[in-house]
Amino acid sequence: MDSNQPDLDLVFFAMADGTRRAVLQKLGEGPASVSDLSEPFDMALPPFMKHIKMLEKAKLITTRKVGRVRTCELNPDTYADLENWLHEQRRQWDSRYQKLDALLTQMKGASE
């Protein structure tokens, strides 16, 4: 796998946590500081930073630090890769369902 490509196992693992999904949803509104993102959660900053680091490791977000403020934003490239993977899975399943439908129609016609 290209080192610039996201590891989809890691992406899904990161998204499996409700806190991290809420952070991603909030970042969908635009970049935000870690302190702003942590505000709605009842946890200290160090444990919250573990969530941020996991999202960053999965390449779902990028962060930058200016002075004492760390700002997070979504990484659209990872979402595009995820969307492409999901689209391919859907295409494969749609094809399978169409073949099953054709077979069932053929079997129904043969039994009449």
PDB file of N, CA and C in Angstrom:
ATOM      1  N   MET A   1       0.848  -1.181   0.000  1.00  0.00           N
ATOM      2  CA  MET A   1       0.000   0.000   0.000  1.00  0.00           C
ATOM      3  C   MET A   1       0.888   1.236   0.000  1.00  0.00           C
ATOM      4  N   ASP A   2       0.532   2.205  -0.799  1.00  0.00           N
ATOM      5  CA  ASP A   2       1.251   3.475  -0.871  1.00  0.00           C
ATOM      6  C   ASP A   2       1.199   4.149   0.497  1.00  0.00           C
ATOM      7  N   SER A   3       2.351   4.653   0.950  1.00  0.00           N
ATOM      8  CA  SER A   3       2.387   5.266   2.284  1.00  0.00           C
ATOM      9  C   SER A   3       1.530   6.523   2.372  1.00  0.00           C
ATOM     10  N   ASN A   4       1.161   7.107   1.227  1.00  0.00           N
ATOM     11  CA  ASN A   4       0.289   8.281   1.237  1.00  0.00           C
ATOM     12  C   ASN A   4      -1.187   7.902   1.267  1.00  0.00           C
ATOM     13  N   GLN A   5      -1.487   6.627   1.014  1.00  0.00           N
ATOM     14  CA  GLN A   5      -2.866   6.159   1.017  1.00  0.00           C
ATOM     15  C   GLN A   5      -3.277   5.794   2.442  1.00  0.00           C
ATOM     16  N   PRO A   6      -4.519   6.057   2.794  1.00  0.00           N
ATOM     17  CA  PRO A   6      -4.959   5.680   4.142  1.00  0.00           C
ATOM     18  C   PRO A   6      -5.103   4.170   4.259  1.00  0.00           C
ATOM     19  N   ASP A   7      -4.866   3.655   5.437  1.00  0.00           N
ATOM     20  CA  ASP A   7      -5.087   2.256   5.757  1.00  0.00           C
ATOM     21  C   ASP A   7      -6.562   2.152   6.147  1.00  0.00           C
ATOM     22  N   LEU A   8      -7.368   1.529   5.291  1.00  0.00           N
ATOM     23  CA  LEU A   8      -8.813   1.500   5.545  1.00  0.00           C
ATOM     24  C   LEU A   8      -9.164   0.781   6.842  1.00  0.00           C
ATOM     25  N   ASP A   9      -8.371  -0.230   7.236  1.00  0.00           N
ATOM     26  CA  ASP A   9      -8.627  -0.876   8.524  1.00  0.00           C
ATOM     27  C   ASP A   9      -8.488   0.139   9.655  1.00  0.00           C
ATOM     28  N   LEU A  10      -7.465   0.965   9.557  1.00  0.00           N
ATOM     29  CA  LEU A  10      -7.236   1.988  10.577  1.00  0.00           C
ATOM     30  C   LEU A  10      -8.327   3.063  10.527  1.00  0.00           C
ATOM     31  N   VAL A  11      -8.768   3.405   9.325  1.00  0.00           N
ATOM     32  CA  VAL A  11      -9.846   4.391   9.168  1.00  0.00           C
ATOM     33  C   VAL A  11     -11.122   3.886   9.841  1.00  0.00           C
ATOM     34  N   PHE A  12     -11.494   2.638   9.548  1.00  0.00           N
ATOM     35  CA  PHE A  12     -12.710   2.087  10.153  1.00  0.00           C
ATOM     36  C   PHE A  12     -12.558   1.934  11.667  1.00  0.00           C
ATOM     37  N   PHE A  13     -11.367   1.545  12.127  1.00  0.00           N
ATOM     38  CA  PHE A  13     -11.124   1.444  13.565  1.00  0.00           C
ATOM     39  C   PHE A  13     -11.296   2.810  14.223  1.00  0.00           C
ATOM     40  N   ALA A  14     -10.721   3.831  13.614  1.00  0.00           N
ATOM     41  CA  ALA A  14     -10.821   5.188  14.172  1.00  0.00           C
ATOM     42  C   ALA A  14     -12.267   5.657  14.203  1.00  0.00           C
ATOM     43  N   MET A  15     -13.029   5.307  13.181  1.00  0.00           N
ATOM     44  CA  MET A  15     -14.416   5.761  13.095  1.00  0.00           C
ATOM     45  C   MET A  15     -15.364   4.918  13.946  1.00  0.00           C
ATOM     46  N   ALA A  16     -14.856   3.826  14.524  1.00  0.00           N
ATOM     47  CA  ALA A  16     -15.707   2.956  15.337  1.00  0.00           C
ATOM     48  C   ALA A  16     -16.019   3.556  16.709  1.00  0.00           C
ATOM     49  N   ASP A  17     -15.309   4.601  17.086  1.00  0.00           N
ATOM     50  CA  ASP A  17     -15.503   5.217  18.394  1.00  0.00           C
ATOM     51  C   ASP A  17     -16.435   6.422  18.283  1.00  0.00           C
ATOM     52  N   GLY A  18     -17.424   6.484  19.146  1.00  0.00           N
ATOM     53  CA  GLY A  18     -18.411   7.564  19.103  1.00  0.00           C
ATOM     54  C   GLY A  18     -17.824   8.949  19.323  1.00  0.00           C
ATOM     55  N   THR A  19     -16.849   9.049  20.213  1.00  0.00           N
ATOM     56  CA  THR A  19     -16.211  10.348  20.452  1.00  0.00           C
ATOM     57  C   THR A  19     -15.519  10.830  19.185  1.00  0.00           C
ATOM     58  N   ARG A  20     -14.797   9.934  18.533  1.00  0.00           N
ATOM     59  CA  ARG A  20     -14.077  10.327  17.317  1.00  0.00           C
ATOM     60  C   ARG A  20     -15.047  10.677  16.192  1.00  0.00           C
ATOM     61  N   ARG A  21     -16.153   9.937  16.091  1.00  0.00           N
ATOM     62  CA  ARG A  21     -17.148  10.287  15.065  1.00  0.00           C
ATOM     63  C   ARG A  21     -17.738  11.664  15.340  1.00  0.00           C
ATOM     64  N   ALA A  22     -17.978  11.980  16.605  1.00  0.00           N
ATOM     65  CA  ALA A  22     -18.511  13.305  16.955  1.00  0.00           C
ATOM     66  C   ALA A  22     -17.504  14.400  16.600  1.00  0.00           C
ATOM     67  N   VAL A  23     -16.226  14.138  16.816  1.00  0.00           N
ATOM     68  CA  VAL A  23     -15.185  15.105  16.446  1.00  0.00           C
ATOM     69  C   VAL A  23     -15.195  15.315  14.938  1.00  0.00           C
ATOM     70  N   LEU A  24     -15.277  14.220  14.180  1.00  0.00           N
ATOM     71  CA  LEU A  24     -15.310  14.334  12.717  1.00  0.00           C
ATOM     72  C   LEU A  24     -16.530  15.122  12.260  1.00  0.00           C
ATOM     73  N   GLN A  25     -17.659  14.862  12.896  1.00  0.00           N
ATOM     74  CA  GLN A  25     -18.883  15.585  12.538  1.00  0.00           C
ATOM     75  C   GLN A  25     -18.723  17.077  12.803  1.00  0.00           C
ATOM     76  N   LYS A  26     -18.135  17.423  13.933  1.00  0.00           N
ATOM     77  CA  LYS A  26     -17.908  18.834  14.264  1.00  0.00           C
ATOM     78  C   LYS A  26     -16.935  19.463  13.266  1.00  0.00           C
ATOM     79  N   LEU A  27     -15.904  18.732  12.881  1.00  0.00           N
ATOM     80  CA  LEU A  27     -14.934  19.263  11.919  1.00  0.00           C
ATOM     81  C   LEU A  27     -15.545  19.410  10.526  1.00  0.00           C
ATOM     82  N   GLY A  28     -16.660  18.738  10.284  1.00  0.00           N
ATOM     83  CA  GLY A  28     -17.381  18.929   9.027  1.00  0.00           C
ATOM     84  C   GLY A  28     -17.884  20.354   8.875  1.00  0.00           C
ATOM     85  N   GLU A  29     -18.002  21.059   9.987  1.00  0.00           N
ATOM     86  CA  GLU A  29     -18.428  22.464   9.961  1.00  0.00           C
ATOM     87  C   GLU A  29     -17.259  23.397   9.680  1.00  0.00           C
ATOM     88  N   GLY A  30     -16.039  22.878   9.784  1.00  0.00           N
ATOM     89  CA  GLY A  30     -14.844  23.683   9.535  1.00  0.00           C
ATOM     90  C   GLY A  30     -13.770  23.400  10.566  1.00  0.00           C
ATOM     91  N   PRO A  31     -12.559  23.931  10.348  1.00  0.00           N
ATOM     92  CA  PRO A  31     -11.459  23.711  11.290  1.00  0.00           C
ATOM     93  C   PRO A  31     -11.820  24.195  12.693  1.00  0.00           C
ATOM     94  N   ALA A  32     -11.232  23.531  13.685  1.00  0.00           N
ATOM     95  CA  ALA A  32     -11.497  23.900  15.080  1.00  0.00           C
ATOM     96  C   ALA A  32     -10.281  23.571  15.929  1.00  0.00           C
ATOM     97  N   SER A  33     -10.132  24.301  17.013  1.00  0.00           N
ATOM     98  CA  SER A  33      -9.031  24.030  17.938  1.00  0.00           C
ATOM     99  C   SER A  33      -9.364  22.789  18.766  1.00  0.00           C
ATOM    100  N   VAL A  34      -8.327  22.150  19.277  1.00  0.00           N
ATOM    101  CA  VAL A  34      -8.523  20.976  20.122  1.00  0.00           C
ATOM    102  C   VAL A  34      -9.367  21.340  21.340  1.00  0.00           C
ATOM    103  N   SER A  35      -9.119  22.501  21.922  1.00  0.00           N
ATOM    104  CA  SER A  35      -9.904  22.885  23.109  1.00  0.00           C
ATOM    105  C   SER A  35     -11.378  23.068  22.763  1.00  0.00           C
ATOM    106  N   ASP A  36     -11.679  23.632  21.593  1.00  0.00           N
ATOM    107  CA  ASP A  36     -13.079  23.767  21.172  1.00  0.00           C
ATOM    108  C   ASP A  36     -13.705  22.397  20.926  1.00  0.00           C
ATOM    109  N   LEU A  37     -12.940  21.499  20.312  1.00  0.00           N
ATOM    110  CA  LEU A  37     -13.459  20.161  20.022  1.00  0.00           C
ATOM    111  C   LEU A  37     -13.705  19.360  21.296  1.00  0.00           C
ATOM    112  N   SER A  38     -12.860  19.563  22.298  1.00  0.00           N
ATOM    113  CA  SER A  38     -12.973  18.769  23.528  1.00  0.00           C
ATOM    114  C   SER A  38     -14.077  19.269  24.457  1.00  0.00           C
ATOM    115  N   GLU A  39     -14.541  20.476  24.231  1.00  0.00           N
ATOM    116  CA  GLU A  39     -15.513  21.115  25.130  1.00  0.00           C
ATOM    117  C   GLU A  39     -16.745  20.257  25.451  1.00  0.00           C
ATOM    118  N   PRO A  40     -17.400  19.636  24.451  1.00  0.00           N
ATOM    119  CA  PRO A  40     -18.629  18.889  24.769  1.00  0.00           C
ATOM    120  C   PRO A  40     -18.403  17.561  25.496  1.00  0.00           C
ATOM    121  N   PHE A  41     -17.154  17.135  25.637  1.00  0.00           N
ATOM    122  CA  PHE A  41     -16.878  15.817  26.211  1.00  0.00           C
ATOM    123  C   PHE A  41     -16.411  15.939  27.653  1.00  0.00           C
ATOM    124  N   ASP A  42     -16.853  15.001  28.449  1.00  0.00           N
ATOM    125  CA  ASP A  42     -16.489  14.989  29.863  1.00  0.00           C
ATOM    126  C   ASP A  42     -15.203  14.187  30.041  1.00  0.00           C
ATOM    127  N   MET A  43     -14.097  14.751  29.545  1.00  0.00           N
ATOM    128  CA  MET A  43     -12.805  14.091  29.718  1.00  0.00           C
ATOM    129  C   MET A  43     -11.704  15.139  29.741  1.00  0.00           C
ATOM    130  N   ALA A  44     -10.620  14.779  30.394  1.00  0.00           N
ATOM    131  CA  ALA A  44      -9.466  15.674  30.462  1.00  0.00           C
ATOM    132  C   ALA A  44      -8.805  15.750  29.086  1.00  0.00           C
ATOM    133  N   LEU A  45      -7.993  16.751  28.901  1.00  0.00           N
ATOM    134  CA  LEU A  45      -7.339  16.966  27.610  1.00  0.00           C
ATOM    135  C   LEU A  45      -6.416  15.815  27.194  1.00  0.00           C
ATOM    136  N   PRO A  46      -5.593  15.234  28.090  1.00  0.00           N
ATOM    137  CA  PRO A  46      -4.714  14.141  27.640  1.00  0.00           C
ATOM    138  C   PRO A  46      -5.455  12.952  27.014  1.00  0.00           C
ATOM    139  N   PRO A  47      -6.536  12.444  27.635  1.00  0.00           N
ATOM    140  CA  PRO A  47      -7.264  11.353  26.965  1.00  0.00           C
ATOM    141  C   PRO A  47      -7.917  11.807  25.656  1.00  0.00           C
ATOM    142  N   PHE A  48      -8.381  13.045  25.621  1.00  0.00           N
ATOM    143  CA  PHE A  48      -8.987  13.546  24.384  1.00  0.00           C
ATOM    144  C   PHE A  48      -7.942  13.612  23.277  1.00  0.00           C
ATOM    145  N   MET A  49      -6.719  13.989  23.630  1.00  0.00           N
ATOM    146  CA  MET A  49      -5.642  14.063  22.635  1.00  0.00           C
ATOM    147  C   MET A  49      -5.350  12.696  22.027  1.00  0.00           C
ATOM    148  N   LYS A  50      -5.601  11.621  22.775  1.00  0.00           N
ATOM    149  CA  LYS A  50      -5.418  10.275  22.211  1.00  0.00           C
ATOM    150  C   LYS A  50      -6.389  10.066  21.053  1.00  0.00           C
ATOM    151  N   HIS A  51      -7.603  10.585  21.191  1.00  0.00           N
ATOM    152  CA  HIS A  51      -8.575  10.496  20.099  1.00  0.00           C
ATOM    153  C   HIS A  51      -8.091  11.301  18.893  1.00  0.00           C
ATOM    154  N   ILE A  52      -7.579  12.490  19.146  1.00  0.00           N
ATOM    155  CA  ILE A  52      -7.079  13.337  18.058  1.00  0.00           C
ATOM    156  C   ILE A  52      -5.923  12.639  17.346  1.00  0.00           C
ATOM    157  N   LYS A  53      -5.020  12.051  18.119  1.00  0.00           N
ATOM    158  CA  LYS A  53      -3.865  11.363  17.521  1.00  0.00           C
ATOM    159  C   LYS A  53      -4.304  10.162  16.693  1.00  0.00           C
ATOM    160  N   MET A  54      -5.334   9.448  17.150  1.00  0.00           N
ATOM    161  CA  MET A  54      -5.837   8.308  16.380  1.00  0.00           C
ATOM    162  C   MET A  54      -6.437   8.778  15.061  1.00  0.00           C
ATOM    163  N   LEU A  55      -7.210   9.857  15.090  1.00  0.00           N
ATOM    164  CA  LEU A  55      -7.792  10.399  13.858  1.00  0.00           C
ATOM    165  C   LEU A  55      -6.700  10.879  12.910  1.00  0.00           C
ATOM    166  N   GLU A  56      -5.654  11.432  13.478  1.00  0.00           N
ATOM    167  CA  GLU A  56      -4.532  11.903  12.663  1.00  0.00           C
ATOM    168  C   GLU A  56      -3.763  10.711  12.081  1.00  0.00           C
ATOM    169  N   LYS A  57      -3.563   9.677  12.878  1.00  0.00           N
ATOM    170  CA  LYS A  57      -2.866   8.469  12.412  1.00  0.00           C
ATOM    171  C   LYS A  57      -3.629   7.807  11.270  1.00  0.00           C
ATOM    172  N   ALA A  58      -4.956   7.836  11.350  1.00  0.00           N
ATOM    173  CA  ALA A  58      -5.802   7.262  10.297  1.00  0.00           C
ATOM    174  C   ALA A  58      -5.915   8.188   9.088  1.00  0.00           C
ATOM    175  N   LYS A  59      -5.298   9.344   9.170  1.00  0.00           N
ATOM    176  CA  LYS A  59      -5.298  10.346   8.098  1.00  0.00           C
ATOM    177  C   LYS A  59      -6.690  10.915   7.829  1.00  0.00           C
ATOM    178  N   LEU A  60      -7.561  10.851   8.847  1.00  0.00           N
ATOM    179  CA  LEU A  60      -8.886  11.450   8.720  1.00  0.00           C
ATOM    180  C   LEU A  60      -8.843  12.948   8.970  1.00  0.00           C
ATOM    181  N   ILE A  61      -7.858  13.380   9.767  1.00  0.00           N
ATOM    182  CA  ILE A  61      -7.693  14.806  10.043  1.00  0.00           C
ATOM    183  C   ILE A  61      -6.222  15.184   9.925  1.00  0.00           C
ATOM    184  N   THR A  62      -5.992  16.466   9.798  1.00  0.00           N
ATOM    185  CA  THR A  62      -4.642  17.013   9.914  1.00  0.00           C
ATOM    186  C   THR A  62      -4.679  18.040  11.036  1.00  0.00           C
ATOM    187  N   THR A  63      -3.541  18.226  11.669  1.00  0.00           N
ATOM    188  CA  THR A  63      -3.457  19.235  12.720  1.00  0.00           C
ATOM    189  C   THR A  63      -2.247  20.116  12.464  1.00  0.00           C
ATOM    190  N   ARG A  64      -2.340  21.324  12.968  1.00  0.00           N
ATOM    191  CA  ARG A  64      -1.190  22.231  12.927  1.00  0.00           C
ATOM    192  C   ARG A  64      -1.217  23.048  14.213  1.00  0.00           C
ATOM    193  N   LYS A  65      -0.028  23.344  14.681  1.00  0.00           N
ATOM    194  CA  LYS A  65       0.079  24.086  15.932  1.00  0.00           C
ATOM    195  C   LYS A  65       0.674  25.450  15.648  1.00  0.00           C
ATOM    196  N   VAL A  66      -0.030  26.473  16.086  1.00  0.00           N
ATOM    197  CA  VAL A  66       0.447  27.851  15.991  1.00  0.00           C
ATOM    198  C   VAL A  66       0.469  28.392  17.413  1.00  0.00           C
ATOM    199  N   GLY A  67       1.656  28.634  17.918  1.00  0.00           N
ATOM    200  CA  GLY A  67       1.772  29.054  19.311  1.00  0.00           C
ATOM    201  C   GLY A  67       1.328  27.932  20.225  1.00  0.00           C
ATOM    202  N   ARG A  68       0.348  28.210  21.056  1.00  0.00           N
ATOM    203  CA  ARG A  68      -0.165  27.199  21.987  1.00  0.00           C
ATOM    204  C   ARG A  68      -1.454  26.553  21.503  1.00  0.00           C
ATOM    205  N   VAL A  69      -1.910  26.938  20.319  1.00  0.00           N
ATOM    206  CA  VAL A  69      -3.200  26.444  19.819  1.00  0.00           C
ATOM    207  C   VAL A  69      -2.980  25.413  18.713  1.00  0.00           C
ATOM    208  N   ARG A  70      -3.538  24.207  18.926  1.00  0.00           N
ATOM    209  CA  ARG A  70      -3.504  23.167  17.898  1.00  0.00           C
ATOM    210  C   ARG A  70      -4.864  23.160  17.208  1.00  0.00           C
ATOM    211  N   THR A  71      -4.838  23.349  15.894  1.00  0.00           N
ATOM    212  CA  THR A  71      -6.069  23.389  15.100  1.00  0.00           C
ATOM    213  C   THR A  71      -6.173  22.113  14.270  1.00  0.00           C
ATOM    214  N   CYS A  72      -7.376  21.574  14.199  1.00  0.00           N
ATOM    215  CA  CYS A  72      -7.644  20.348  13.446  1.00  0.00           C
ATOM    216  C   CYS A  72      -8.552  20.664  12.270  1.00  0.00           C
ATOM    217  N   GLU A  73      -8.373  19.906  11.192  1.00  0.00           N
ATOM    218  CA  GLU A  73      -9.312  19.990  10.070  1.00  0.00           C
ATOM    219  C   GLU A  73      -9.373  18.642   9.375  1.00  0.00           C
ATOM    220  N   LEU A  74     -10.483  18.424   8.675  1.00  0.00           N
ATOM    221  CA  LEU A  74     -10.666  17.169   7.958  1.00  0.00           C
ATOM    222  C   LEU A  74      -9.663  17.059   6.823  1.00  0.00           C
ATOM    223  N   ASN A  75      -9.285  15.820   6.523  1.00  0.00           N
ATOM    224  CA  ASN A  75      -8.414  15.540   5.389  1.00  0.00           C
ATOM    225  C   ASN A  75      -9.303  14.991   4.269  1.00  0.00           C
ATOM    226  N   PRO A  76      -9.661  15.810   3.283  1.00  0.00           N
ATOM    227  CA  PRO A  76     -10.610  15.372   2.256  1.00  0.00           C
ATOM    228  C   PRO A  76     -10.102  14.212   1.404  1.00  0.00           C
ATOM    229  N   ASP A  77      -8.799  14.047   1.276  1.00  0.00           N
ATOM    230  CA  ASP A  77      -8.264  12.953   0.459  1.00  0.00           C
ATOM    231  C   ASP A  77      -8.649  11.595   1.023  1.00  0.00           C
ATOM    232  N   THR A  78      -8.595  11.455   2.336  1.00  0.00           N
ATOM    233  CA  THR A  78      -8.962  10.181   2.954  1.00  0.00           C
ATOM    234  C   THR A  78     -10.440   9.891   2.749  1.00  0.00           C
ATOM    235  N   TYR A  79     -11.271  10.915   2.845  1.00  0.00           N
ATOM    236  CA  TYR A  79     -12.706  10.717   2.622  1.00  0.00           C
ATOM    237  C   TYR A  79     -12.980  10.320   1.182  1.00  0.00           C
ATOM    238  N   ALA A  80     -12.232  10.865   0.244  1.00  0.00           N
ATOM    239  CA  ALA A  80     -12.393  10.498  -1.166  1.00  0.00           C
ATOM    240  C   ALA A  80     -12.008   9.034  -1.366  1.00  0.00           C
ATOM    241  N   ASP A  81     -10.908   8.601  -0.750  1.00  0.00           N
ATOM    242  CA  ASP A  81     -10.492   7.198  -0.855  1.00  0.00           C
ATOM    243  C   ASP A  81     -11.532   6.275  -0.228  1.00  0.00           C
ATOM    244  N   LEU A  82     -12.062   6.670   0.917  1.00  0.00           N
ATOM    245  CA  LEU A  82     -13.092   5.881   1.589  1.00  0.00           C
ATOM    246  C   LEU A  82     -14.354   5.812   0.737  1.00  0.00           C
ATOM    247  N   GLU A  83     -14.745   6.939   0.181  1.00  0.00           N
ATOM    248  CA  GLU A  83     -15.928   6.984  -0.677  1.00  0.00           C
ATOM    249  C   GLU A  83     -15.747   6.095  -1.908  1.00  0.00           C
ATOM    250  N   ASN A  84     -14.569   6.112  -2.508  1.00  0.00           N
ATOM    251  CA  ASN A  84     -14.295   5.258  -3.669  1.00  0.00           C
ATOM    252  C   ASN A  84     -14.397   3.787  -3.297  1.00  0.00           C
ATOM    253  N   TRP A  85     -13.857   3.414  -2.140  1.00  0.00           N
ATOM    254  CA  TRP A  85     -13.914   2.028  -1.702  1.00  0.00           C
ATOM    255  C   TRP A  85     -15.366   1.606  -1.472  1.00  0.00           C
ATOM    256  N   LEU A  86     -16.135   2.447  -0.791  1.00  0.00           N
ATOM    257  CA  LEU A  86     -17.543   2.137  -0.532  1.00  0.00           C
ATOM    258  C   LEU A  86     -18.345   2.054  -1.825  1.00  0.00           C
ATOM    259  N   HIS A  87     -18.052   2.943  -2.767  1.00  0.00           N
ATOM    260  CA  HIS A  87     -18.735   2.925  -4.062  1.00  0.00           C
ATOM    261  C   HIS A  87     -18.457   1.602  -4.789  1.00  0.00           C
ATOM    262  N   GLU A  88     -17.215   1.143  -4.752  1.00  0.00           N
ATOM    263  CA  GLU A  88     -16.863  -0.122  -5.401  1.00  0.00           C
ATOM    264  C   GLU A  88     -17.583  -1.290  -4.729  1.00  0.00           C
ATOM    265  N   GLN A  89     -17.677  -1.271  -3.406  1.00  0.00           N
ATOM    266  CA  GLN A  89     -18.398  -2.334  -2.702  1.00  0.00           C
ATOM    267  C   GLN A  89     -19.873  -2.335  -3.097  1.00  0.00           C
ATOM    268  N   ARG A  90     -20.457  -1.171  -3.182  1.00  0.00           N
ATOM    269  CA  ARG A  90     -21.870  -1.070  -3.569  1.00  0.00           C
ATOM    270  C   ARG A  90     -22.079  -1.561  -4.994  1.00  0.00           C
ATOM    271  N   ARG A  91     -21.161  -1.183  -5.896  1.00  0.00           N
ATOM    272  CA  ARG A  91     -21.264  -1.615  -7.286  1.00  0.00           C
ATOM    273  C   ARG A  91     -21.230  -3.141  -7.369  1.00  0.00           C
ATOM    274  N   GLN A  92     -20.333  -3.761  -6.623  1.00  0.00           N
ATOM    275  CA  GLN A  92     -20.234  -5.223  -6.640  1.00  0.00           C
ATOM    276  C   GLN A  92     -21.509  -5.871  -6.114  1.00  0.00           C
ATOM    277  N   TRP A  93     -22.051  -5.337  -5.018  1.00  0.00           N
ATOM    278  CA  TRP A  93     -23.264  -5.918  -4.457  1.00  0.00           C
ATOM    279  C   TRP A  93     -24.469  -5.682  -5.360  1.00  0.00           C
ATOM    280  N   ASP A  94     -24.557  -4.518  -5.974  1.00  0.00           N
ATOM    281  CA  ASP A  94     -25.650  -4.260  -6.918  1.00  0.00           C
ATOM    282  C   ASP A  94     -25.612  -5.260  -8.060  1.00  0.00           C
ATOM    283  N   SER A  95     -24.420  -5.557  -8.555  1.00  0.00           N
ATOM    284  CA  SER A  95     -24.266  -6.530  -9.636  1.00  0.00           C
ATOM    285  C   SER A  95     -24.726  -7.914  -9.177  1.00  0.00           C
ATOM    286  N   ARG A  96     -24.362  -8.291  -7.973  1.00  0.00           N
ATOM    287  CA  ARG A  96     -24.774  -9.599  -7.441  1.00  0.00           C
ATOM    288  C   ARG A  96     -26.289  -9.676  -7.286  1.00  0.00           C
ATOM    289  N   TYR A  97     -26.892  -8.605  -6.794  1.00  0.00           N
ATOM    290  CA  TYR A  97     -28.347  -8.583  -6.630  1.00  0.00           C
ATOM    291  C   TYR A  97     -29.059  -8.659  -7.979  1.00  0.00           C
ATOM    292  N   GLN A  98     -28.531  -7.999  -8.981  1.00  0.00           N
ATOM    293  CA  GLN A  98     -29.132  -8.057 -10.318  1.00  0.00           C
ATOM    294  C   GLN A  98     -29.067  -9.475 -10.874  1.00  0.00           C
ATOM    295  N   LYS A  99     -27.940 -10.155 -10.668  1.00  0.00           N
ATOM    296  CA  LYS A  99     -27.806 -11.540 -11.135  1.00  0.00           C
ATOM    297  C   LYS A  99     -28.770 -12.453 -10.388  1.00  0.00           C
ATOM    298  N   LEU A 100     -28.915 -12.244  -9.089  1.00  0.00           N
ATOM    299  CA  LEU A 100     -29.849 -13.041  -8.298  1.00  0.00           C
ATOM    300  C   LEU A 100     -31.279 -12.797  -8.760  1.00  0.00           C
ATOM    301  N   ASP A 101     -31.624 -11.545  -8.999  1.00  0.00           N
ATOM    302  CA  ASP A 101     -32.959 -11.200  -9.474  1.00  0.00           C
ATOM    303  C   ASP A 101     -33.247 -11.875 -10.814  1.00  0.00           C
ATOM    304  N   ALA A 102     -32.267 -11.851 -11.717  1.00  0.00           N
ATOM    305  CA  ALA A 102     -32.447 -12.493 -13.023  1.00  0.00           C
ATOM    306  C   ALA A 102     -32.633 -13.997 -12.861  1.00  0.00           C
ATOM    307  N   LEU A 103     -31.870 -14.616 -11.978  1.00  0.00           N
ATOM    308  CA  LEU A 103     -31.989 -16.052 -11.744  1.00  0.00           C
ATOM    309  C   LEU A 103     -33.353 -16.391 -11.152  1.00  0.00           C
ATOM    310  N   LEU A 104     -33.809 -15.612 -10.188  1.00  0.00           N
ATOM    311  CA  LEU A 104     -35.115 -15.874  -9.577  1.00  0.00           C
ATOM    312  C   LEU A 104     -36.246 -15.689 -10.584  1.00  0.00           C
ATOM    313  N   THR A 105     -36.122 -14.689 -11.439  1.00  0.00           N
ATOM    314  CA  THR A 105     -37.127 -14.469 -12.483  1.00  0.00           C
ATOM    315  C   THR A 105     -37.143 -15.650 -13.444  1.00  0.00           C
ATOM    316  N   GLN A 106     -35.966 -16.132 -13.805  1.00  0.00           N
ATOM    317  CA  GLN A 106     -35.856 -17.280 -14.709  1.00  0.00           C
ATOM    318  C   GLN A 106     -36.450 -18.528 -14.060  1.00  0.00           C
ATOM    319  N   MET A 107     -36.174 -18.744 -12.783  1.00  0.00           N
ATOM    320  CA  MET A 107     -36.699 -19.913 -12.084  1.00  0.00           C
ATOM    321  C   MET A 107     -38.216 -19.831 -11.950  1.00  0.00           C
ATOM    322  N   LYS A 108     -38.730 -18.633 -11.713  1.00  0.00           N
ATOM    323  CA  LYS A 108     -40.169 -18.452 -11.584  1.00  0.00           C
ATOM    324  C   LYS A 108     -40.851 -18.752 -12.915  1.00  0.00           C
ATOM    325  N   GLY A 109     -40.240 -18.283 -14.009  1.00  0.00           N
ATOM    326  CA  GLY A 109     -40.802 -18.530 -15.336  1.00  0.00           C
ATOM    327  C   GLY A 109     -40.770 -20.009 -15.700  1.00  0.00           C
ATOM    328  N   ALA A 110     -39.745 -20.718 -15.277  1.00  0.00           N
ATOM    329  CA  ALA A 110     -39.619 -22.143 -15.586  1.00  0.00           C
ATOM    330  C   ALA A 110     -40.620 -22.976 -14.798  1.00  0.00           C
ATOM    331  N   SER A 111     -41.028 -22.499 -13.625  1.00  0.00           N
ATOM    332  CA  SER A 111     -41.950 -23.277 -12.796  1.00  0.00           C
ATOM    333  C   SER A 111     -43.408 -23.052 -13.178  1.00  0.00           C
ATOM    334  N   GLU A 112     -43.654 -22.066 -14.036  1.00  0.00           N
ATOM    335  CA  GLU A 112     -45.049 -21.784 -14.409  1.00  0.00           C
ATOM    336  C   GLU A 112     -45.481 -22.564 -15.612  1.00  0.00           C
TER     337      GLU A 112
END
